[in-house]
Amino acid sequence: MMTLTITSEGDTLKGVLDGRLDTASSQQFSVDMQPLMDEADKHIVLDCSNLEFISSSGLRLFLMLRKATIAKGGDVTITGVSPEIKQVFTITGFYSLFHFA
């Protein structure tokens, strides 16, 4: 189970991920993250403090969001990643594609 809660503060959108972003939940997450895609010209912060797991399907969705922000002039910052999630980003080569804070 995966939930995404989106809040807006000025030119920043914050998405708080909670749960497991696996193949089963990635389809719903794709729908849930549409507001972030629509406003990809803003600064988007993805809070992954409560993200327990991310699969290749989840990484693909992060990459889609990154591409949208590049196209529209926004950016993505990922916060609160656990060592395990950071390792997944590092092993896949995605760590260098995102800004982590």
N, C-alpha and C. Protein backbone atom coordinates (compact mmCIF):
# COMPACT_ATOMS: atom_id res chain seq x y z
N MET A 1 0.85 -1.19 0.00
CA MET A 1 0.00 0.00 0.00
C MET A 1 0.89 1.25 0.00
N MET A 2 0.50 2.20 -0.81
CA MET A 2 1.27 3.41 -0.98
C MET A 2 0.32 4.60 -0.97
N THR A 3 0.67 5.63 -0.21
CA THR A 3 -0.12 6.86 -0.26
C THR A 3 0.80 8.03 -0.59
N LEU A 4 0.24 9.00 -1.29
CA LEU A 4 0.95 10.22 -1.64
C LEU A 4 0.07 11.38 -1.22
N THR A 5 0.61 12.21 -0.34
CA THR A 5 -0.10 13.40 0.12
C THR A 5 0.63 14.62 -0.44
N ILE A 6 -0.10 15.45 -1.19
CA ILE A 6 0.51 16.62 -1.83
C ILE A 6 0.01 17.89 -1.16
N THR A 7 0.96 18.75 -0.81
CA THR A 7 0.63 20.08 -0.27
C THR A 7 1.37 21.13 -1.10
N SER A 8 0.84 22.34 -1.08
CA SER A 8 1.43 23.43 -1.85
C SER A 8 1.78 24.57 -0.92
N GLU A 9 3.00 25.09 -1.10
CA GLU A 9 3.46 26.25 -0.32
C GLU A 9 4.15 27.19 -1.28
N GLY A 10 3.43 28.17 -1.79
CA GLY A 10 4.01 29.11 -2.75
C GLY A 10 4.37 28.40 -4.05
N ASP A 11 5.64 28.51 -4.43
CA ASP A 11 6.12 27.86 -5.65
C ASP A 11 6.66 26.46 -5.40
N THR A 12 6.40 25.92 -4.23
CA THR A 12 6.88 24.59 -3.89
C THR A 12 5.71 23.64 -3.68
N LEU A 13 5.80 22.48 -4.30
CA LEU A 13 4.85 21.40 -4.06
C LEU A 13 5.58 20.32 -3.28
N LYS A 14 4.94 19.83 -2.23
CA LYS A 14 5.56 18.78 -1.43
C LYS A 14 4.71 17.53 -1.54
N GLY A 15 5.35 16.43 -1.91
CA GLY A 15 4.69 15.14 -1.96
C GLY A 15 5.27 14.24 -0.89
N VAL A 16 4.42 13.78 0.02
CA VAL A 16 4.87 12.89 1.09
C VAL A 16 4.46 11.47 0.73
N LEU A 17 5.47 10.61 0.56
CA LEU A 17 5.23 9.21 0.21
C LEU A 17 5.22 8.38 1.47
N ASP A 18 4.26 7.47 1.55
CA ASP A 18 4.13 6.63 2.73
C ASP A 18 3.80 5.21 2.28
N GLY A 19 4.69 4.27 2.60
CA GLY A 19 4.43 2.87 2.26
C GLY A 19 5.44 2.31 1.28
N ARG A 20 4.96 1.36 0.48
CA ARG A 20 5.81 0.64 -0.46
C ARG A 20 5.44 1.03 -1.89
N LEU A 21 6.41 1.56 -2.62
CA LEU A 21 6.20 1.90 -4.02
C LEU A 21 6.71 0.74 -4.86
N ASP A 22 5.87 -0.28 -4.96
CA ASP A 22 6.24 -1.48 -5.70
C ASP A 22 5.41 -1.56 -6.98
N THR A 23 5.55 -2.64 -7.70
CA THR A 23 4.84 -2.80 -8.97
C THR A 23 3.34 -2.71 -8.78
N ALA A 24 2.84 -3.30 -7.71
CA ALA A 24 1.39 -3.30 -7.46
C ALA A 24 0.85 -1.90 -7.18
N SER A 25 1.61 -1.08 -6.50
CA SER A 25 1.12 0.26 -6.13
C SER A 25 1.52 1.34 -7.14
N SER A 26 2.40 1.02 -8.07
CA SER A 26 2.91 2.06 -8.98
C SER A 26 1.84 2.60 -9.92
N GLN A 27 0.87 1.77 -10.30
CA GLN A 27 -0.19 2.25 -11.20
C GLN A 27 -1.02 3.33 -10.52
N GLN A 28 -1.41 3.10 -9.26
CA GLN A 28 -2.17 4.11 -8.52
C GLN A 28 -1.32 5.33 -8.22
N PHE A 29 -0.04 5.11 -7.91
CA PHE A 29 0.86 6.22 -7.64
C PHE A 29 0.99 7.12 -8.87
N SER A 30 1.01 6.50 -10.05
CA SER A 30 1.07 7.26 -11.30
C SER A 30 -0.11 8.21 -11.42
N VAL A 31 -1.29 7.76 -11.02
CA VAL A 31 -2.49 8.60 -11.03
C VAL A 31 -2.38 9.67 -9.94
N ASP A 32 -1.95 9.27 -8.75
CA ASP A 32 -1.87 10.18 -7.61
C ASP A 32 -0.85 11.30 -7.83
N MET A 33 0.20 11.02 -8.61
CA MET A 33 1.25 12.03 -8.80
C MET A 33 0.95 12.99 -9.96
N GLN A 34 -0.20 12.82 -10.62
CA GLN A 34 -0.54 13.68 -11.75
C GLN A 34 -0.52 15.17 -11.42
N PRO A 35 -1.00 15.59 -10.24
CA PRO A 35 -0.89 17.02 -9.91
C PRO A 35 0.56 17.53 -9.91
N LEU A 36 1.51 16.67 -9.53
CA LEU A 36 2.92 17.06 -9.57
C LEU A 36 3.38 17.20 -11.02
N MET A 37 2.93 16.29 -11.88
CA MET A 37 3.29 16.35 -13.30
C MET A 37 2.69 17.62 -13.93
N ASP A 38 1.47 17.94 -13.55
CA ASP A 38 0.79 19.12 -14.10
C ASP A 38 1.50 20.41 -13.72
N GLU A 39 2.12 20.43 -12.56
CA GLU A 39 2.79 21.65 -12.08
C GLU A 39 4.30 21.45 -11.99
N ALA A 40 4.84 20.78 -13.00
CA ALA A 40 6.27 20.46 -13.01
C ALA A 40 7.16 21.67 -13.24
N ASP A 41 6.55 22.84 -13.42
CA ASP A 41 7.34 24.07 -13.54
C ASP A 41 7.73 24.61 -12.17
N LYS A 42 7.28 23.96 -11.11
CA LYS A 42 7.56 24.41 -9.75
C LYS A 42 8.68 23.58 -9.13
N HIS A 43 9.07 23.98 -7.93
CA HIS A 43 10.03 23.18 -7.15
C HIS A 43 9.22 22.09 -6.45
N ILE A 44 9.58 20.85 -6.71
CA ILE A 44 8.87 19.71 -6.13
C ILE A 44 9.78 19.01 -5.13
N VAL A 45 9.27 18.83 -3.92
CA VAL A 45 10.00 18.12 -2.88
C VAL A 45 9.27 16.81 -2.63
N LEU A 46 9.99 15.71 -2.78
CA LEU A 46 9.42 14.40 -2.46
C LEU A 46 10.00 13.95 -1.13
N ASP A 47 9.14 13.88 -0.12
CA ASP A 47 9.55 13.46 1.22
C ASP A 47 9.40 11.94 1.30
N CYS A 48 10.53 11.27 1.35
CA CYS A 48 10.54 9.79 1.35
C CYS A 48 10.84 9.22 2.74
N SER A 49 10.62 10.02 3.78
CA SER A 49 10.91 9.57 5.14
C SER A 49 10.14 8.29 5.50
N ASN A 50 8.92 8.14 4.96
CA ASN A 50 8.10 6.97 5.27
C ASN A 50 8.01 5.99 4.11
N LEU A 51 8.90 6.16 3.12
CA LEU A 51 8.94 5.22 1.99
C LEU A 51 9.72 3.99 2.43
N GLU A 52 9.05 2.84 2.41
CA GLU A 52 9.66 1.61 2.91
C GLU A 52 10.41 0.84 1.83
N PHE A 53 9.99 1.01 0.57
CA PHE A 53 10.54 0.20 -0.52
C PHE A 53 10.25 0.90 -1.83
N ILE A 54 11.16 0.79 -2.79
CA ILE A 54 10.90 1.30 -4.14
C ILE A 54 11.38 0.27 -5.15
N SER A 55 10.52 -0.05 -6.10
CA SER A 55 10.86 -1.01 -7.15
C SER A 55 11.28 -0.27 -8.41
N SER A 56 11.63 -1.00 -9.43
CA SER A 56 11.99 -0.38 -10.70
C SER A 56 10.81 0.39 -11.29
N SER A 57 9.60 -0.07 -11.03
CA SER A 57 8.41 0.66 -11.49
C SER A 57 8.32 2.02 -10.81
N GLY A 58 8.64 2.06 -9.53
CA GLY A 58 8.64 3.31 -8.79
C GLY A 58 9.73 4.24 -9.26
N LEU A 59 10.92 3.70 -9.51
CA LEU A 59 12.02 4.51 -10.03
C LEU A 59 11.64 5.12 -11.37
N ARG A 60 10.95 4.36 -12.21
CA ARG A 60 10.52 4.85 -13.52
C ARG A 60 9.61 6.07 -13.36
N LEU A 61 8.72 6.04 -12.36
CA LEU A 61 7.82 7.16 -12.12
C LEU A 61 8.59 8.39 -11.61
N PHE A 62 9.58 8.18 -10.78
CA PHE A 62 10.43 9.29 -10.34
C PHE A 62 11.12 9.91 -11.55
N LEU A 63 11.60 9.06 -12.45
CA LEU A 63 12.29 9.54 -13.65
C LEU A 63 11.33 10.31 -14.55
N MET A 64 10.10 9.86 -14.68
CA MET A 64 9.10 10.57 -15.48
C MET A 64 8.88 11.98 -14.91
N LEU A 65 8.80 12.07 -13.58
CA LEU A 65 8.60 13.37 -12.93
C LEU A 65 9.82 14.27 -13.18
N ARG A 66 11.01 13.70 -13.09
CA ARG A 66 12.23 14.48 -13.35
C ARG A 66 12.23 15.03 -14.77
N LYS A 67 11.88 14.19 -15.73
CA LYS A 67 11.85 14.63 -17.13
C LYS A 67 10.82 15.75 -17.33
N ALA A 68 9.69 15.65 -16.67
CA ALA A 68 8.65 16.68 -16.78
C ALA A 68 9.14 18.00 -16.20
N THR A 69 9.84 17.94 -15.07
CA THR A 69 10.33 19.18 -14.47
C THR A 69 11.42 19.82 -15.33
N ILE A 70 12.26 19.01 -15.94
CA ILE A 70 13.30 19.55 -16.82
C ILE A 70 12.64 20.26 -18.01
N ALA A 71 11.62 19.62 -18.57
CA ALA A 71 10.93 20.19 -19.73
C ALA A 71 10.21 21.49 -19.40
N LYS A 72 9.69 21.61 -18.16
CA LYS A 72 8.89 22.77 -17.79
C LYS A 72 9.65 23.79 -16.95
N GLY A 73 10.92 23.52 -16.64
CA GLY A 73 11.73 24.48 -15.91
C GLY A 73 11.66 24.36 -14.40
N GLY A 74 11.10 23.28 -13.90
CA GLY A 74 11.07 23.06 -12.45
C GLY A 74 12.22 22.20 -12.00
N ASP A 75 12.14 21.69 -10.79
CA ASP A 75 13.16 20.77 -10.30
C ASP A 75 12.58 19.89 -9.21
N VAL A 76 13.29 18.80 -8.93
CA VAL A 76 12.86 17.83 -7.93
C VAL A 76 13.95 17.67 -6.88
N THR A 77 13.57 17.74 -5.62
CA THR A 77 14.46 17.43 -4.51
C THR A 77 13.85 16.27 -3.74
N ILE A 78 14.67 15.30 -3.41
CA ILE A 78 14.20 14.14 -2.65
C ILE A 78 14.79 14.24 -1.24
N THR A 79 13.93 14.13 -0.24
CA THR A 79 14.38 14.24 1.15
C THR A 79 14.01 12.97 1.92
N GLY A 80 14.71 12.75 3.01
CA GLY A 80 14.35 11.72 3.97
C GLY A 80 14.55 10.28 3.52
N VAL A 81 15.45 10.03 2.58
CA VAL A 81 15.62 8.65 2.12
C VAL A 81 16.39 7.83 3.14
N SER A 82 15.95 6.62 3.33
CA SER A 82 16.64 5.69 4.22
C SER A 82 17.90 5.19 3.52
N PRO A 83 18.84 4.63 4.26
CA PRO A 83 20.04 4.07 3.62
C PRO A 83 19.69 3.00 2.57
N GLU A 84 18.64 2.22 2.83
CA GLU A 84 18.25 1.16 1.88
C GLU A 84 17.73 1.76 0.57
N ILE A 85 16.91 2.79 0.67
CA ILE A 85 16.38 3.44 -0.53
C ILE A 85 17.51 4.15 -1.27
N LYS A 86 18.39 4.80 -0.53
CA LYS A 86 19.53 5.47 -1.14
C LYS A 86 20.38 4.46 -1.92
N GLN A 87 20.54 3.28 -1.36
CA GLN A 87 21.33 2.24 -2.03
C GLN A 87 20.69 1.83 -3.35
N VAL A 88 19.36 1.74 -3.39
CA VAL A 88 18.66 1.41 -4.63
C VAL A 88 18.93 2.48 -5.68
N PHE A 89 18.84 3.75 -5.29
CA PHE A 89 19.12 4.85 -6.22
C PHE A 89 20.57 4.79 -6.70
N THR A 90 21.49 4.46 -5.80
CA THR A 90 22.91 4.42 -6.15
C THR A 90 23.21 3.26 -7.10
N ILE A 91 22.72 2.08 -6.78
CA ILE A 91 22.99 0.89 -7.60
C ILE A 91 22.45 1.06 -9.02
N THR A 92 21.28 1.69 -9.13
CA THR A 92 20.65 1.84 -10.44
C THR A 92 21.21 3.02 -11.24
N GLY A 93 22.06 3.83 -10.61
CA GLY A 93 22.61 5.00 -11.28
C GLY A 93 21.68 6.21 -11.23
N PHE A 94 20.57 6.09 -10.53
CA PHE A 94 19.60 7.19 -10.44
C PHE A 94 20.03 8.24 -9.44
N TYR A 95 20.96 7.90 -8.54
CA TYR A 95 21.33 8.84 -7.48
C TYR A 95 21.88 10.14 -8.07
N SER A 96 22.64 10.03 -9.15
CA SER A 96 23.24 11.21 -9.76
C SER A 96 22.22 12.06 -10.54
N LEU A 97 21.02 11.51 -10.77
CA LEU A 97 20.02 12.22 -11.56
C LEU A 97 19.15 13.17 -10.71
N PHE A 98 19.19 12.98 -9.40
CA PHE A 98 18.31 13.74 -8.52
C PHE A 98 19.12 14.52 -7.49
N HIS A 99 18.50 15.57 -6.96
CA HIS A 99 19.09 16.32 -5.86
C HIS A 99 18.51 15.76 -4.57
N PHE A 100 19.38 15.35 -3.66
CA PHE A 100 18.96 14.81 -2.37
C PHE A 100 19.31 15.82 -1.28
N ALA A 101 18.38 15.99 -0.35
CA ALA A 101 18.63 16.92 0.76
C ALA A 101 18.30 16.25 2.07
